[in-house]
Amino acid sequence: MNNSDIVGAGPRQLHFGLAKPEYNLTNNDIEKSQPCAWKFKTKREQSNPLNPNYKLTNFEYVKPEEPKFIRDSMKNDDIEGSRPKVVQHKPVRDPINVKDIEGASNRVPY
């Protein structure tokens, strides 16, 4: 049996309708903080990801100018004493050859 259509036949509401919105732990009160996918519009053309068509920017190559030669900063020939002295070495004796040593020979006397 249902008596909800009779006024006063049921318990009174404990809290009457409070029209205050609750913003606890939400960002609903911040404008444009929610996604709005139906408003997104792009000017990009549709492309096939398996066969993409890229529009690359055009450019004109300009060859760079060669810098004017002023001087070679690695050469210092004009400074006296800036080069190492040339040293004449004595010829080196062959360490394996023993012909110049008296008494040393390959023959063993019996």
Protein backbone atom coordinates (compact mmCIF):
# COMPACT_ATOMS: atom_id res chain seq x y z
CA MET A 1 0.00 0.00 0.00
CA ASN A 2 1.48 3.37 -1.08
CA ASN A 3 0.36 6.61 0.53
CA SER A 4 3.00 9.01 -0.92
CA ASP A 5 0.27 11.08 -2.60
CA ILE A 6 -1.26 12.08 0.77
CA VAL A 7 0.35 15.18 2.34
CA GLY A 8 1.61 14.50 5.87
CA ALA A 9 1.22 10.73 5.58
CA GLY A 10 4.99 10.17 5.64
CA PRO A 11 7.93 11.42 7.70
CA ARG A 12 9.02 14.98 7.26
CA GLN A 13 12.27 15.69 5.35
CA LEU A 14 15.18 16.12 7.71
CA HIS A 15 17.07 18.58 5.43
CA PHE A 16 15.23 20.72 3.01
CA GLY A 17 16.74 21.16 -0.42
CA LEU A 18 19.85 23.29 -0.11
CA ALA A 19 20.69 24.67 -3.53
CA LYS A 20 24.38 25.10 -2.74
CA PRO A 21 26.76 23.29 -5.11
CA GLU A 22 29.55 21.28 -3.53
CA TYR A 23 33.02 21.84 -4.92
CA ASN A 24 34.99 19.60 -2.57
CA LEU A 25 37.94 18.01 -4.38
CA THR A 26 36.71 19.04 -7.83
CA ASN A 27 37.62 21.67 -10.35
CA ASN A 28 34.13 22.21 -11.73
CA ASP A 29 34.07 25.83 -10.54
CA ILE A 30 37.16 26.70 -12.65
CA GLU A 31 36.23 27.83 -16.13
CA LYS A 32 37.79 25.85 -19.04
CA SER A 33 39.35 23.29 -16.72
CA GLN A 34 37.15 20.51 -18.09
CA PRO A 35 37.73 18.88 -21.47
CA CYS A 36 35.45 20.11 -24.19
CA ALA A 37 36.02 17.71 -27.11
CA TRP A 38 33.00 18.77 -29.12
CA LYS A 39 34.45 22.26 -29.52
CA PHE A 40 37.85 21.11 -30.88
CA LYS A 41 38.32 22.03 -34.53
CA THR A 42 41.50 21.73 -36.52
CA LYS A 43 42.65 23.17 -39.83
CA ARG A 44 44.92 20.21 -40.52
CA GLU A 45 44.15 17.98 -43.46
CA GLN A 46 43.38 14.35 -42.85
CA SER A 47 46.27 12.02 -43.64
CA ASN A 48 46.82 8.30 -43.87
CA PRO A 49 49.32 7.18 -41.17
CA LEU A 50 50.42 4.26 -43.36
CA ASN A 51 51.15 6.52 -46.31
CA PRO A 52 51.71 10.04 -44.94
CA ASN A 53 51.94 13.05 -47.19
CA TYR A 54 54.12 15.78 -45.70
CA LYS A 55 54.19 19.36 -46.89
CA LEU A 56 57.76 20.50 -46.37
CA THR A 57 58.73 24.14 -46.34
CA ASN A 58 60.61 25.45 -49.36
CA PHE A 59 63.95 27.19 -49.03
CA GLU A 60 66.67 28.56 -51.26
CA TYR A 61 70.26 27.61 -50.41
CA VAL A 62 72.61 30.57 -50.12
CA LYS A 63 76.29 29.65 -50.28
CA PRO A 64 78.19 31.26 -47.41
CA GLU A 65 80.90 33.77 -48.25
CA GLU A 66 84.47 32.61 -47.83
CA PRO A 67 86.23 34.65 -45.12
CA LYS A 68 89.05 36.95 -46.18
CA PHE A 69 92.52 35.50 -45.39
CA ILE A 70 94.38 37.82 -43.04
CA ARG A 71 97.20 35.69 -41.63
CA ASP A 72 97.96 32.19 -40.45
CA SER A 73 98.06 32.43 -36.68
CA MET A 74 99.67 28.99 -36.30
CA LYS A 75 102.89 30.02 -38.07
CA ASN A 76 105.49 31.89 -36.09
CA ASP A 77 108.43 31.82 -38.53
CA ASP A 78 108.99 35.55 -38.17
CA ILE A 79 110.00 35.17 -34.48
CA GLU A 80 113.70 34.40 -33.95
CA GLY A 81 114.32 31.24 -31.92
CA SER A 82 110.80 29.93 -32.38
CA ARG A 83 111.97 26.81 -34.21
CA PRO A 84 113.80 23.88 -32.60
CA LYS A 85 117.48 23.50 -33.33
CA VAL A 86 118.47 20.76 -35.77
CA VAL A 87 120.69 18.28 -33.96
CA GLN A 88 123.07 16.02 -35.91
CA HIS A 89 123.07 12.55 -34.35
CA LYS A 90 125.94 10.09 -34.55
CA PRO A 91 125.18 6.90 -36.44
CA VAL A 92 123.89 4.23 -34.06
CA ARG A 93 125.82 0.98 -33.81
CA ASP A 94 123.96 -2.20 -34.73
CA PRO A 95 123.54 -4.01 -31.37
CA ILE A 96 123.38 -7.47 -32.97
CA ASN A 97 126.54 -7.14 -35.08
CA VAL A 98 129.67 -8.00 -33.07
CA LYS A 99 132.31 -7.77 -35.82
CA ASP A 100 133.78 -4.61 -34.33
CA ILE A 101 134.45 -6.36 -30.99
CA GLU A 102 137.81 -8.13 -30.84
CA GLY A 103 137.60 -11.80 -29.91
CA ALA A 104 133.89 -12.13 -30.56
CA SER A 105 133.09 -14.42 -33.46
CA ASN A 106 130.67 -17.14 -34.38
CA ARG A 107 133.36 -19.82 -34.57
CA VAL A 108 134.15 -21.79 -31.44
CA PRO A 109 137.75 -23.03 -31.28
CA TYR A 110 138.20 -26.78 -30.54
